[in-house]
């Protein structure tokens, strides 16, 4: 595994800050109730919620970085690819992949909602790109991932981390996955890390014509409170172009 994770300079906040507050309240409230004369059986609750909250926090501030470093290493990027990060937030995956494409371009798309990630705004993403010294190869676009203002087949790689599930409707999530596939070039690769709906994403991609589709569990490092909320990794490829079509292979982009 690359040791780039140990050199992170950015400030990436936490995912789902409201959930961490809820876990904290769930620990404190039973203790307060018992202190006020409530039944002692309430003391069974705080340890469970403390462990769940700890796993959630670990996934947010350490686990996801380790998993993504491994996944990006496995892509074996050549250094000149065009990459899209859907729901880039403060830039954890955005900057990690940018370090691997010194002659390429990385585009991050987000609508910058702080409910999804603490301090989630474009300024934070720019600041983190500067801290990681990759600002020269990053472009940020404020847009809804269901309707990307981007042309067909522009990107060699499309990534998304813990973002698509934030779209509340099944139809909206399908639109986002289809858009991710639309902007992927023939022969390009797509990787989505998400919860709850990942297997549905896989079916959508297969229906769209994707090949080499897989769905794998990211493991305990990305448990969002426990094994009941795992992160699944969905990967796919768009079939390669025929002779004479675009055959970019990660060489430097003009």
Foldseek 3Di string as FASTA:
>chain_A
DDPVLVVQQADQFFFQVVLLVVLVCQQPVLVVCVVVPHDPVSNVRNVLSVLLSVLQRLLGPPLVLVLLLVVLVVVVFPQAWEEEEEQCWLNSNPLSNLVRRVQYAYEYEHQQDCSGGNPGDPVSNCVSCVRSVRNVRYHYDYDQLLDDPDAFQQGQEYEYEAPLVVPPDPVSSLSNLVSSNRNHHAFHKYKYKHWDCQVVSQVSCVVVPWPPWDKAWSPSSNANSDPVTTIIMIMTHHHHDDPPDDDDDNDRDD
